[in-house]
């Protein structure tokens, strides 16, 4: 189980290892209910959607087996790669928005969330308390008030921040910071990591732009090899004619 999780994290084995990881997670949660913290439900929902996406295109160790198998498929099936990728990305995005909105609406109906004291009671629960640190939060009325209301507002209005392109990276970054604090202060590590992994899908375009910028800076500072000017035949297509890796969601070439 641990080796499979490490392989998925570093992009080893492609979709086959990811599918095996989903089965192993399901078997673990079925036999050990102590691991259930909310992240298990999201993982079981998202992994089948993730199998549709081209999530191993970058930052992974590929053996080339998937490409060889893909070349043997009929052209009609190969053309489905981009639509299936976009479908998987859209499904994960919708699922994440549902998680945030439903959670926020349930909180709005609670009395302790309405009067701004929910954080005080949550952080005093022994299972969720971080000794020596949680008291710094729940003993401060201002932090409790701000933390309670900001959490509710953020959850309810999360989809609006995602729909606006300029706000999307900041909304995703705020969500990641929010779940880092949950993992640290409440000990819900598996839940926090699952939510952070899903939030990264909203940063795919920003990460793609950062990767292209890094490539440009690296190419600018890399010494040119001697040998004269390359022709199209010798060095491939010029930079202006090369296709650029499309951010998520992809479009057909």
C-alpha atoms as a PDB file:
ATOM      1  CA  UNK A   1       0.000   0.000   0.000  1.00  0.00           C
ATOM      2  CA  UNK A   2       2.755   2.463   0.947  1.00  0.00           C
ATOM      3  CA  UNK A   3       4.823   1.640  -2.145  1.00  0.00           C
ATOM      4  CA  UNK A   4       1.791   2.087  -4.366  1.00  0.00           C
ATOM      5  CA  UNK A   5       1.042   5.476  -2.787  1.00  0.00           C
ATOM      6  CA  UNK A   6       4.650   6.602  -3.343  1.00  0.00           C
ATOM      7  CA  UNK A   7       4.483   5.418  -6.971  1.00  0.00           C
ATOM      8  CA  UNK A   8       1.296   7.437  -7.566  1.00  0.00           C
ATOM      9  CA  UNK A   9       2.834  10.518  -5.931  1.00  0.00           C
ATOM     10  CA  UNK A  10       5.901  10.447  -8.188  1.00  0.00           C
ATOM     11  CA  UNK A  11       3.981   9.477 -11.331  1.00  0.00           C
ATOM     12  CA  UNK A  12       5.329   5.953 -11.719  1.00  0.00           C
ATOM     13  CA  UNK A  13       3.260   3.328 -13.492  1.00  0.00           C
ATOM     14  CA  UNK A  14       0.640   5.577 -15.046  1.00  0.00           C
ATOM     15  CA  UNK A  15      -3.050   4.805 -14.938  1.00  0.00           C
ATOM     16  CA  UNK A  16      -2.593   1.134 -14.043  1.00  0.00           C
ATOM     17  CA  UNK A  17      -0.872   2.009 -10.756  1.00  0.00           C
ATOM     18  CA  UNK A  18      -3.434   4.756 -10.095  1.00  0.00           C
ATOM     19  CA  UNK A  19      -6.287   2.273 -10.572  1.00  0.00           C
ATOM     20  CA  UNK A  20      -4.559  -0.226  -8.268  1.00  0.00           C
ATOM     21  CA  UNK A  21      -4.130   2.557  -5.717  1.00  0.00           C
ATOM     22  CA  UNK A  22      -7.853   3.251  -5.812  1.00  0.00           C
ATOM     23  CA  UNK A  23      -8.652  -0.414  -5.155  1.00  0.00           C
ATOM     24  CA  UNK A  24      -6.150  -0.595  -2.288  1.00  0.00           C
ATOM     25  CA  UNK A  25      -7.554   2.579  -0.732  1.00  0.00           C
ATOM     26  CA  UNK A  26     -11.061   1.173  -0.921  1.00  0.00           C
ATOM     27  CA  UNK A  27      -9.969  -2.097   0.739  1.00  0.00           C
ATOM     28  CA  UNK A  28      -8.113  -0.182   3.480  1.00  0.00           C
ATOM     29  CA  UNK A  29     -11.116   1.984   4.300  1.00  0.00           C
ATOM     30  CA  UNK A  30     -13.447  -1.025   4.289  1.00  0.00           C
ATOM     31  CA  UNK A  31     -11.306  -2.944   6.801  1.00  0.00           C
ATOM     32  CA  UNK A  32     -10.070  -0.047   8.967  1.00  0.00           C
ATOM     33  CA  UNK A  33     -12.874   2.412   9.701  1.00  0.00           C
ATOM     34  CA  UNK A  34     -10.524   4.381  11.980  1.00  0.00           C
ATOM     35  CA  UNK A  35      -8.986   5.931   8.836  1.00  0.00           C
ATOM     36  CA  UNK A  36     -12.306   7.441   7.742  1.00  0.00           C
ATOM     37  CA  UNK A  37     -12.133  11.239   7.961  1.00  0.00           C
ATOM     38  CA  UNK A  38     -14.049  12.460   4.912  1.00  0.00           C
ATOM     39  CA  UNK A  39     -11.102  12.260   2.545  1.00  0.00           C
ATOM     40  CA  UNK A  40     -11.938   8.615   1.831  1.00  0.00           C
ATOM     41  CA  UNK A  41     -15.249   9.511   0.176  1.00  0.00           C
ATOM     42  CA  UNK A  42     -13.653  12.175  -2.002  1.00  0.00           C
ATOM     43  CA  UNK A  43     -10.778   9.877  -3.028  1.00  0.00           C
ATOM     44  CA  UNK A  44     -13.147   7.108  -4.112  1.00  0.00           C
ATOM     45  CA  UNK A  45     -15.133   9.609  -6.183  1.00  0.00           C
ATOM     46  CA  UNK A  46     -12.208  11.445  -7.763  1.00  0.00           C
ATOM     47  CA  UNK A  47      -9.864   8.575  -8.702  1.00  0.00           C
ATOM     48  CA  UNK A  48     -12.198   7.176 -11.439  1.00  0.00           C
ATOM     49  CA  UNK A  49     -12.509  10.730 -12.825  1.00  0.00           C
ATOM     50  CA  UNK A  50      -8.736  11.159 -12.664  1.00  0.00           C
ATOM     51  CA  UNK A  51      -8.262   8.024 -14.755  1.00  0.00           C
ATOM     52  CA  UNK A  52      -9.917   9.850 -17.659  1.00  0.00           C
ATOM     53  CA  UNK A  53      -7.422  12.716 -17.548  1.00  0.00           C
ATOM     54  CA  UNK A  54      -3.939  12.975 -19.008  1.00  0.00           C
ATOM     55  CA  UNK A  55      -2.539  13.538 -15.504  1.00  0.00           C
ATOM     56  CA  UNK A  56       0.771  11.794 -16.248  1.00  0.00           C
ATOM     57  CA  UNK A  57       1.727  14.092 -19.107  1.00  0.00           C
ATOM     58  CA  UNK A  58       4.196  16.119 -17.003  1.00  0.00           C
ATOM     59  CA  UNK A  59       6.219  15.544 -13.842  1.00  0.00           C
ATOM     60  CA  UNK A  60       6.088  11.750 -14.107  1.00  0.00           C
ATOM     61  CA  UNK A  61       8.376   8.804 -14.858  1.00  0.00           C
ATOM     62  CA  UNK A  62       6.950   7.144 -17.950  1.00  0.00           C
ATOM     63  CA  UNK A  63       8.049   3.737 -19.230  1.00  0.00           C
ATOM     64  CA  UNK A  64       6.613   4.448 -22.684  1.00  0.00           C
ATOM     65  CA  UNK A  65       4.242   1.469 -22.501  1.00  0.00           C
ATOM     66  CA  UNK A  66       1.140   3.652 -22.631  1.00  0.00           C
ATOM     67  CA  UNK A  67       2.363   5.431 -25.769  1.00  0.00           C
ATOM     68  CA  UNK A  68       3.117   2.136 -27.495  1.00  0.00           C
ATOM     69  CA  UNK A  69      -0.325   0.814 -26.628  1.00  0.00           C
ATOM     70  CA  UNK A  70      -1.964   4.055 -27.794  1.00  0.00           C
ATOM     71  CA  UNK A  71      -0.266   3.835 -31.188  1.00  0.00           C
ATOM     72  CA  UNK A  72      -1.909   0.453 -31.767  1.00  0.00           C
ATOM     73  CA  UNK A  73      -5.411   1.801 -31.117  1.00  0.00           C
ATOM     74  CA  UNK A  74      -7.687   2.849 -34.002  1.00  0.00           C
ATOM     75  CA  UNK A  75      -7.615   6.497 -34.946  1.00  0.00           C
ATOM     76  CA  UNK A  76     -11.206   6.961 -33.759  1.00  0.00           C
ATOM     77  CA  UNK A  77     -10.322   5.874 -30.227  1.00  0.00           C
ATOM     78  CA  UNK A  78      -7.170   7.985 -30.114  1.00  0.00           C
ATOM     79  CA  UNK A  79      -9.214  11.069 -30.978  1.00  0.00           C
ATOM     80  CA  UNK A  80     -11.172  10.578 -27.751  1.00  0.00           C
ATOM     81  CA  UNK A  81      -8.116  11.351 -25.586  1.00  0.00           C
ATOM     82  CA  UNK A  82      -8.708  15.114 -25.443  1.00  0.00           C
ATOM     83  CA  UNK A  83     -12.519  14.983 -24.887  1.00  0.00           C
ATOM     84  CA  UNK A  84     -12.107  12.378 -22.151  1.00  0.00           C
ATOM     85  CA  UNK A  85      -9.404  14.477 -20.512  1.00  0.00           C
ATOM     86  CA  UNK A  86     -11.627  17.552 -20.515  1.00  0.00           C
ATOM     87  CA  UNK A  87     -14.557  15.504 -19.213  1.00  0.00           C
ATOM     88  CA  UNK A  88     -12.475  14.201 -16.313  1.00  0.00           C
ATOM     89  CA  UNK A  89     -11.214  17.692 -15.434  1.00  0.00           C
ATOM     90  CA  UNK A  90     -14.729  19.155 -15.563  1.00  0.00           C
ATOM     91  CA  UNK A  91     -16.100  16.321 -13.413  1.00  0.00           C
ATOM     92  CA  UNK A  92     -13.448  16.873 -10.728  1.00  0.00           C
ATOM     93  CA  UNK A  93     -14.031  20.642 -10.780  1.00  0.00           C
ATOM     94  CA  UNK A  94     -17.793  20.209 -10.371  1.00  0.00           C
ATOM     95  CA  UNK A  95     -17.284  17.676  -7.582  1.00  0.00           C
ATOM     96  CA  UNK A  96     -14.998  20.057  -5.698  1.00  0.00           C
ATOM     97  CA  UNK A  97     -17.462  22.934  -6.036  1.00  0.00           C
ATOM     98  CA  UNK A  98     -20.237  20.692  -4.701  1.00  0.00           C
ATOM     99  CA  UNK A  99     -18.108  19.705  -1.704  1.00  0.00           C
ATOM    100  CA  UNK A 100     -17.423  23.321  -0.803  1.00  0.00           C
ATOM    101  CA  UNK A 101     -20.925  24.685  -1.388  1.00  0.00           C
ATOM    102  CA  UNK A 102     -22.762  21.864   0.402  1.00  0.00           C
ATOM    103  CA  UNK A 103     -20.367  22.094   3.344  1.00  0.00           C
ATOM    104  CA  UNK A 104     -20.830  25.856   3.521  1.00  0.00           C
ATOM    105  CA  UNK A 105     -24.630  25.675   3.339  1.00  0.00           C
ATOM    106  CA  UNK A 106     -24.751  23.106   6.136  1.00  0.00           C
ATOM    107  CA  UNK A 107     -22.601  25.386   8.278  1.00  0.00           C
ATOM    108  CA  UNK A 108     -24.847  28.380   7.594  1.00  0.00           C
ATOM    109  CA  UNK A 109     -27.770  26.484   9.156  1.00  0.00           C
ATOM    110  CA  UNK A 110     -25.869  25.809  12.396  1.00  0.00           C
ATOM    111  CA  UNK A 111     -26.409  28.134  15.356  1.00  0.00           C
ATOM    112  CA  UNK A 112     -22.757  28.178  16.439  1.00  0.00           C
ATOM    113  CA  UNK A 113     -21.736  29.148  12.895  1.00  0.00           C
ATOM    114  CA  UNK A 114     -24.320  31.904  12.818  1.00  0.00           C
ATOM    115  CA  UNK A 115     -23.141  33.492  16.069  1.00  0.00           C
ATOM    116  CA  UNK A 116     -19.442  33.107  15.170  1.00  0.00           C
ATOM    117  CA  UNK A 117     -18.371  30.676  17.912  1.00  0.00           C
ATOM    118  CA  UNK A 118     -18.084  27.385  15.983  1.00  0.00           C
ATOM    119  CA  UNK A 119     -14.291  27.470  15.838  1.00  0.00           C
ATOM    120  CA  UNK A 120     -14.149  27.724  19.639  1.00  0.00           C
ATOM    121  CA  UNK A 121     -16.031  24.447  20.129  1.00  0.00           C
ATOM    122  CA  UNK A 122     -14.355  22.573  17.253  1.00  0.00           C
ATOM    123  CA  UNK A 123     -10.810  23.283  18.389  1.00  0.00           C
ATOM    124  CA  UNK A 124     -11.586  22.184  21.963  1.00  0.00           C
ATOM    125  CA  UNK A 125     -12.603  18.659  20.877  1.00  0.00           C
ATOM    126  CA  UNK A 126      -9.821  16.311  22.119  1.00  0.00           C
ATOM    127  CA  UNK A 127      -9.598  14.483  18.758  1.00  0.00           C
ATOM    128  CA  UNK A 128      -9.061  17.759  16.884  1.00  0.00           C
ATOM    129  CA  UNK A 129      -6.949  19.681  19.416  1.00  0.00           C
ATOM    130  CA  UNK A 130      -3.287  20.445  18.807  1.00  0.00           C
ATOM    131  CA  UNK A 131      -1.741  20.707  22.281  1.00  0.00           C
ATOM    132  CA  UNK A 132      -0.048  24.005  22.949  1.00  0.00           C
ATOM    133  CA  UNK A 133      -1.321  25.663  19.768  1.00  0.00           C
ATOM    134  CA  UNK A 134      -5.095  25.278  19.548  1.00  0.00           C
ATOM    135  CA  UNK A 135      -5.519  27.251  22.764  1.00  0.00           C
ATOM    136  CA  UNK A 136      -3.842  30.243  21.122  1.00  0.00           C
ATOM    137  CA  UNK A 137      -6.760  30.337  18.691  1.00  0.00           C
ATOM    138  CA  UNK A 138      -9.818  29.460  20.757  1.00  0.00           C
ATOM    139  CA  UNK A 139      -8.750  31.737  23.646  1.00  0.00           C
ATOM    140  CA  UNK A 140      -8.743  34.722  21.275  1.00  0.00           C
ATOM    141  CA  UNK A 141     -12.265  36.012  20.590  1.00  0.00           C
ATOM    142  CA  UNK A 142     -11.210  37.934  17.475  1.00  0.00           C
ATOM    143  CA  UNK A 143      -9.523  34.902  15.863  1.00  0.00           C
ATOM    144  CA  UNK A 144     -12.526  32.699  16.652  1.00  0.00           C
ATOM    145  CA  UNK A 145     -14.950  35.242  15.188  1.00  0.00           C
ATOM    146  CA  UNK A 146     -12.905  35.869  12.037  1.00  0.00           C
ATOM    147  CA  UNK A 147     -12.093  32.191  11.533  1.00  0.00           C
ATOM    148  CA  UNK A 148     -15.722  31.088  11.847  1.00  0.00           C
ATOM    149  CA  UNK A 149     -17.236  33.639   9.473  1.00  0.00           C
ATOM    150  CA  UNK A 150     -14.386  33.600   6.930  1.00  0.00           C
ATOM    151  CA  UNK A 151     -14.644  29.807   6.695  1.00  0.00           C
ATOM    152  CA  UNK A 152     -18.376  29.955   5.972  1.00  0.00           C
ATOM    153  CA  UNK A 153     -18.067  32.751   3.424  1.00  0.00           C
ATOM    154  CA  UNK A 154     -15.155  31.073   1.666  1.00  0.00           C
ATOM    155  CA  UNK A 155     -16.947  27.731   1.338  1.00  0.00           C
ATOM    156  CA  UNK A 156     -20.200  29.202   0.032  1.00  0.00           C
ATOM    157  CA  UNK A 157     -18.580  31.540  -2.501  1.00  0.00           C
ATOM    158  CA  UNK A 158     -15.795  29.190  -3.626  1.00  0.00           C
ATOM    159  CA  UNK A 159     -17.420  28.432  -7.046  1.00  0.00           C
ATOM    160  CA  UNK A 160     -17.606  32.152  -7.857  1.00  0.00           C
ATOM    161  CA  UNK A 161     -13.875  32.522  -7.268  1.00  0.00           C
ATOM    162  CA  UNK A 162     -13.222  29.543  -9.532  1.00  0.00           C
ATOM    163  CA  UNK A 163     -15.444  30.806 -12.357  1.00  0.00           C
ATOM    164  CA  UNK A 164     -13.569  34.134 -12.569  1.00  0.00           C
ATOM    165  CA  UNK A 165     -10.297  33.381 -14.362  1.00  0.00           C
ATOM    166  CA  UNK A 166      -8.297  36.111 -12.611  1.00  0.00           C
ATOM    167  CA  UNK A 167      -9.459  34.987  -9.184  1.00  0.00           C
ATOM    168  CA  UNK A 168      -9.020  31.263  -9.815  1.00  0.00           C
ATOM    169  CA  UNK A 169      -5.316  30.940  -8.811  1.00  0.00           C
ATOM    170  CA  UNK A 170      -5.884  33.013  -5.662  1.00  0.00           C
ATOM    171  CA  UNK A 171      -8.989  31.029  -4.733  1.00  0.00           C
ATOM    172  CA  UNK A 172      -7.138  27.730  -5.190  1.00  0.00           C
ATOM    173  CA  UNK A 173      -4.158  29.020  -3.189  1.00  0.00           C
ATOM    174  CA  UNK A 174      -6.483  30.156  -0.372  1.00  0.00           C
ATOM    175  CA  UNK A 175      -8.156  26.737  -0.381  1.00  0.00           C
ATOM    176  CA  UNK A 176      -4.784  24.991  -0.133  1.00  0.00           C
ATOM    177  CA  UNK A 177      -3.767  27.219   2.796  1.00  0.00           C
ATOM    178  CA  UNK A 178      -7.146  26.531   4.420  1.00  0.00           C
ATOM    179  CA  UNK A 179      -6.647  22.772   4.250  1.00  0.00           C
ATOM    180  CA  UNK A 180      -3.032  22.988   5.385  1.00  0.00           C
ATOM    181  CA  UNK A 181      -4.338  24.632   8.560  1.00  0.00           C
ATOM    182  CA  UNK A 182      -6.953  21.856   8.915  1.00  0.00           C
ATOM    183  CA  UNK A 183      -4.259  19.206   8.584  1.00  0.00           C
ATOM    184  CA  UNK A 184      -2.020  20.904  11.148  1.00  0.00           C
ATOM    185  CA  UNK A 185      -4.490  22.110  13.769  1.00  0.00           C
ATOM    186  CA  UNK A 186      -7.144  19.386  13.520  1.00  0.00           C
ATOM    187  CA  UNK A 187      -5.026  16.372  12.596  1.00  0.00           C
ATOM    188  CA  UNK A 188      -7.177  15.481   9.546  1.00  0.00           C
ATOM    189  CA  UNK A 189      -4.103  14.814   7.449  1.00  0.00           C
ATOM    190  CA  UNK A 190      -5.592  12.395   4.904  1.00  0.00           C
ATOM    191  CA  UNK A 191      -8.581  14.647   4.309  1.00  0.00           C
ATOM    192  CA  UNK A 192      -6.406  17.753   3.954  1.00  0.00           C
ATOM    193  CA  UNK A 193      -4.000  16.102   1.493  1.00  0.00           C
ATOM    194  CA  UNK A 194      -6.866  14.763  -0.625  1.00  0.00           C
ATOM    195  CA  UNK A 195      -8.486  18.184  -0.823  1.00  0.00           C
ATOM    196  CA  UNK A 196      -5.162  19.861  -1.654  1.00  0.00           C
ATOM    197  CA  UNK A 197      -4.494  17.348  -4.435  1.00  0.00           C
ATOM    198  CA  UNK A 198      -7.915  18.090  -5.928  1.00  0.00           C
ATOM    199  CA  UNK A 199      -7.421  21.853  -5.564  1.00  0.00           C
ATOM    200  CA  UNK A 200      -4.294  21.643  -7.696  1.00  0.00           C
ATOM    201  CA  UNK A 201      -6.479  21.029 -10.728  1.00  0.00           C
ATOM    202  CA  UNK A 202      -7.520  24.688 -10.590  1.00  0.00           C
ATOM    203  CA  UNK A 203      -3.848  25.720 -10.733  1.00  0.00           C
ATOM    204  CA  UNK A 204      -3.034  23.644 -13.830  1.00  0.00           C
ATOM    205  CA  UNK A 205      -3.063  26.623 -16.219  1.00  0.00           C
ATOM    206  CA  UNK A 206      -0.970  28.746 -13.861  1.00  0.00           C
ATOM    207  CA  UNK A 207       1.495  25.897 -13.397  1.00  0.00           C
ATOM    208  CA  UNK A 208       1.699  25.389 -17.170  1.00  0.00           C
ATOM    209  CA  UNK A 209       2.545  29.078 -17.658  1.00  0.00           C
ATOM    210  CA  UNK A 210       5.155  28.893 -14.898  1.00  0.00           C
ATOM    211  CA  UNK A 211       6.687  25.824 -16.530  1.00  0.00           C
ATOM    212  CA  UNK A 212       6.924  27.569 -19.911  1.00  0.00           C
ATOM    213  CA  UNK A 213       8.465  30.633 -18.253  1.00  0.00           C
ATOM    214  CA  UNK A 214      11.020  28.448 -16.480  1.00  0.00           C
ATOM    215  CA  UNK A 215      11.864  26.757 -19.781  1.00  0.00           C
ATOM    216  CA  UNK A 216      12.353  30.123 -21.441  1.00  0.00           C
ATOM    217  CA  UNK A 217      14.651  31.342 -18.660  1.00  0.00           C
ATOM    218  CA  UNK A 218      16.623  28.087 -18.749  1.00  0.00           C
ATOM    219  CA  UNK A 219      17.000  28.247 -22.541  1.00  0.00           C
ATOM    220  CA  UNK A 220      18.128  31.873 -22.307  1.00  0.00           C
ATOM    221  CA  UNK A 221      20.898  31.048 -19.820  1.00  0.00           C
ATOM    222  CA  UNK A 222      21.942  27.717 -21.345  1.00  0.00           C
ATOM    223  CA  UNK A 223      25.142  28.062 -23.420  1.00  0.00           C
ATOM    224  CA  UNK A 224      24.563  27.444 -27.110  1.00  0.00           C
ATOM    225  CA  UNK A 225      26.349  24.453 -28.567  1.00  0.00           C
ATOM    226  CA  UNK A 226      28.796  25.169 -31.417  1.00  0.00           C
ATOM    227  CA  UNK A 227      27.921  23.908 -34.844  1.00  0.00           C
ATOM    228  CA  UNK A 228      26.451  26.811 -36.697  1.00  0.00           C
ATOM    229  CA  UNK A 229      22.852  27.596 -37.467  1.00  0.00           C
ATOM    230  CA  UNK A 230      20.529  24.606 -37.475  1.00  0.00           C
ATOM    231  CA  UNK A 231      18.173  24.054 -40.326  1.00  0.00           C
ATOM    232  CA  UNK A 232      14.642  22.776 -40.012  1.00  0.00           C
ATOM    233  CA  UNK A 233      15.751  19.353 -41.203  1.00  0.00           C
ATOM    234  CA  UNK A 234      18.600  19.151 -38.705  1.00  0.00           C
ATOM    235  CA  UNK A 235      16.998  20.586 -35.603  1.00  0.00           C
ATOM    236  CA  UNK A 236      13.281  20.057 -36.128  1.00  0.00           C
ATOM    237  CA  UNK A 237      10.635  22.744 -36.380  1.00  0.00           C
ATOM    238  CA  UNK A 238      11.537  26.280 -35.324  1.00  0.00           C
ATOM    239  CA  UNK A 239      10.250  27.541 -31.992  1.00  0.00           C
ATOM    240  CA  UNK A 240       7.505  29.606 -33.598  1.00  0.00           C
ATOM    241  CA  UNK A 241       6.033  26.519 -35.287  1.00  0.00           C
ATOM    242  CA  UNK A 242       6.222  24.126 -32.362  1.00  0.00           C
ATOM    243  CA  UNK A 243       3.034  23.215 -30.606  1.00  0.00           C
ATOM    244  CA  UNK A 244       2.801  24.421 -27.027  1.00  0.00           C
ATOM    245  CA  UNK A 245       1.523  22.041 -24.373  1.00  0.00           C
ATOM    246  CA  UNK A 246      -2.028  23.133 -23.710  1.00  0.00           C
ATOM    247  CA  UNK A 247      -3.039  23.741 -20.092  1.00  0.00           C
ATOM    248  CA  UNK A 248      -5.991  21.960 -18.598  1.00  0.00           C
ATOM    249  CA  UNK A 249      -8.513  21.674 -20.159  1.00  0.00           C
ATOM    250  CA  UNK A 250      -6.902  20.668 -23.440  1.00  0.00           C
ATOM    251  CA  UNK A 251      -8.064  21.406 -26.945  1.00  0.00           C
ATOM    252  CA  UNK A 252      -7.719  19.262 -29.998  1.00  0.00           C
ATOM    253  CA  UNK A 253      -4.528  19.807 -31.986  1.00  0.00           C
END
